[in-house]
């Protein structure tokens, strides 16, 4: 029986004093699961699927950003959004 795709994701923390600290635990959830707080998921995000007895992993993250970049998060079925309206 085929195993549905899964993801190791960390809930995004809204910006506030001392956050986002990215200290929420990672959760192993089915792909497409919305975050409990409704704010989406932080990077990095690790996805896993199997097909015909082969296992595939996909790591999605931000890289090569500068000090002027505000960062992004994943929302909904993985739309990339900026973390703040100030960006």
C-alpha atoms as a PDB file:
ATOM      1  CA  UNK A   1       0.000   0.000   0.000  1.00  0.00           C
ATOM      2  CA  UNK A   2       1.311   3.445  -0.925  1.00  0.00           C
ATOM      3  CA  UNK A   3       2.264   5.752   1.894  1.00  0.00           C
ATOM      4  CA  UNK A   4       0.933   9.323   1.501  1.00  0.00           C
ATOM      5  CA  UNK A   5       3.556  12.084   1.231  1.00  0.00           C
ATOM      6  CA  UNK A   6       4.567  13.603   4.546  1.00  0.00           C
ATOM      7  CA  UNK A   7       6.468  16.659   5.705  1.00  0.00           C
ATOM      8  CA  UNK A   8       8.553  17.680   8.712  1.00  0.00           C
ATOM      9  CA  UNK A   9       7.376  21.228   9.386  1.00  0.00           C
ATOM     10  CA  UNK A  10       7.706  23.869  12.102  1.00  0.00           C
ATOM     11  CA  UNK A  11       4.828  26.273  12.781  1.00  0.00           C
ATOM     12  CA  UNK A  12       5.698  29.878  11.976  1.00  0.00           C
ATOM     13  CA  UNK A  13       5.726  32.286  14.926  1.00  0.00           C
ATOM     14  CA  UNK A  14       4.275  35.768  14.369  1.00  0.00           C
ATOM     15  CA  UNK A  15       6.733  38.582  14.909  1.00  0.00           C
ATOM     16  CA  UNK A  16       6.689  39.957  18.448  1.00  0.00           C
ATOM     17  CA  UNK A  17       9.255  40.914  21.038  1.00  0.00           C
ATOM     18  CA  UNK A  18      11.688  38.011  21.190  1.00  0.00           C
ATOM     19  CA  UNK A  19      10.192  36.193  18.197  1.00  0.00           C
ATOM     20  CA  UNK A  20      10.225  34.719  15.686  1.00  0.00           C
ATOM     21  CA  UNK A  21      12.643  32.527  17.564  1.00  0.00           C
ATOM     22  CA  UNK A  22      11.924  29.383  15.512  1.00  0.00           C
ATOM     23  CA  UNK A  23      11.817  27.293  18.658  1.00  0.00           C
ATOM     24  CA  UNK A  24       8.572  25.455  17.956  1.00  0.00           C
ATOM     25  CA  UNK A  25       9.040  21.696  17.589  1.00  0.00           C
ATOM     26  CA  UNK A  26       9.037  20.106  14.146  1.00  0.00           C
ATOM     27  CA  UNK A  27       5.995  17.967  13.388  1.00  0.00           C
ATOM     28  CA  UNK A  28       5.678  15.036  10.981  1.00  0.00           C
ATOM     29  CA  UNK A  29       2.390  15.818   9.191  1.00  0.00           C
ATOM     30  CA  UNK A  30       0.687  14.780   5.935  1.00  0.00           C
ATOM     31  CA  UNK A  31       1.465  17.109   3.020  1.00  0.00           C
ATOM     32  CA  UNK A  32      -1.171  19.855   2.826  1.00  0.00           C
ATOM     33  CA  UNK A  33      -1.861  19.983   6.575  1.00  0.00           C
ATOM     34  CA  UNK A  34      -2.589  23.578   7.636  1.00  0.00           C
ATOM     35  CA  UNK A  35      -0.730  24.981  10.641  1.00  0.00           C
ATOM     36  CA  UNK A  36      -2.753  25.008  13.860  1.00  0.00           C
ATOM     37  CA  UNK A  37      -2.192  28.736  14.448  1.00  0.00           C
ATOM     38  CA  UNK A  38      -3.060  29.608  10.822  1.00  0.00           C
ATOM     39  CA  UNK A  39       0.219  31.493  10.275  1.00  0.00           C
ATOM     40  CA  UNK A  40       1.877  28.877   8.102  1.00  0.00           C
ATOM     41  CA  UNK A  41       5.183  27.042   8.372  1.00  0.00           C
ATOM     42  CA  UNK A  42       8.813  28.153   8.798  1.00  0.00           C
ATOM     43  CA  UNK A  43      11.831  27.155   6.743  1.00  0.00           C
ATOM     44  CA  UNK A  44      13.486  24.719   6.346  1.00  0.00           C
ATOM     45  CA  UNK A  45      10.745  22.268   5.390  1.00  0.00           C
ATOM     46  CA  UNK A  46      11.514  18.616   4.696  1.00  0.00           C
ATOM     47  CA  UNK A  47       9.178  16.560   2.477  1.00  0.00           C
ATOM     48  CA  UNK A  48       9.136  12.782   1.989  1.00  0.00           C
ATOM     49  CA  UNK A  49       7.385  10.501  -0.491  1.00  0.00           C
ATOM     50  CA  UNK A  50       7.729   6.941  -1.722  1.00  0.00           C
ATOM     51  CA  UNK A  51       7.112   5.568  -5.188  1.00  0.00           C
ATOM     52  CA  UNK A  52       7.704   2.062  -6.466  1.00  0.00           C
ATOM     53  CA  UNK A  53       9.812   1.035  -3.463  1.00  0.00           C
ATOM     54  CA  UNK A  54      11.985   4.165  -3.769  1.00  0.00           C
ATOM     55  CA  UNK A  55      12.142   6.876  -1.168  1.00  0.00           C
ATOM     56  CA  UNK A  56      12.450  10.554  -2.153  1.00  0.00           C
ATOM     57  CA  UNK A  57      13.294  13.489   0.137  1.00  0.00           C
ATOM     58  CA  UNK A  58      12.979  17.185  -0.733  1.00  0.00           C
ATOM     59  CA  UNK A  59      14.361  19.998   1.441  1.00  0.00           C
ATOM     60  CA  UNK A  60      12.957  23.463   0.856  1.00  0.00           C
ATOM     61  CA  UNK A  61      14.761  26.407   2.439  1.00  0.00           C
ATOM     62  CA  UNK A  62      16.008  29.936   1.861  1.00  0.00           C
ATOM     63  CA  UNK A  63      19.630  30.432   0.870  1.00  0.00           C
ATOM     64  CA  UNK A  64      21.924  33.178  -0.324  1.00  0.00           C
ATOM     65  CA  UNK A  65      19.911  35.918   1.333  1.00  0.00           C
ATOM     66  CA  UNK A  66      21.414  39.243   2.401  1.00  0.00           C
ATOM     67  CA  UNK A  67      20.960  41.351   5.529  1.00  0.00           C
ATOM     68  CA  UNK A  68      18.369  43.394   3.596  1.00  0.00           C
ATOM     69  CA  UNK A  69      16.120  40.389   2.958  1.00  0.00           C
ATOM     70  CA  UNK A  70      13.160  39.985   5.319  1.00  0.00           C
ATOM     71  CA  UNK A  71      12.614  36.251   4.869  1.00  0.00           C
ATOM     72  CA  UNK A  72       9.580  34.193   3.894  1.00  0.00           C
ATOM     73  CA  UNK A  73       7.297  31.456   5.213  1.00  0.00           C
ATOM     74  CA  UNK A  74       5.035  28.794   3.728  1.00  0.00           C
ATOM     75  CA  UNK A  75       1.270  29.301   3.798  1.00  0.00           C
ATOM     76  CA  UNK A  76      -1.703  27.181   2.738  1.00  0.00           C
ATOM     77  CA  UNK A  77      -0.695  24.445   0.334  1.00  0.00           C
ATOM     78  CA  UNK A  78       2.799  25.899   0.350  1.00  0.00           C
ATOM     79  CA  UNK A  79       2.616  29.366  -1.119  1.00  0.00           C
ATOM     80  CA  UNK A  80       5.714  31.372  -0.274  1.00  0.00           C
ATOM     81  CA  UNK A  81       4.859  34.610   1.603  1.00  0.00           C
ATOM     82  CA  UNK A  82       6.972  37.365   3.103  1.00  0.00           C
ATOM     83  CA  UNK A  83       6.950  37.262   6.893  1.00  0.00           C
ATOM     84  CA  UNK A  84       5.905  40.896   7.297  1.00  0.00           C
ATOM     85  CA  UNK A  85       3.896  43.531   5.454  1.00  0.00           C
ATOM     86  CA  UNK A  86       6.958  45.793   5.848  1.00  0.00           C
ATOM     87  CA  UNK A  87       8.898  43.829   3.214  1.00  0.00           C
END
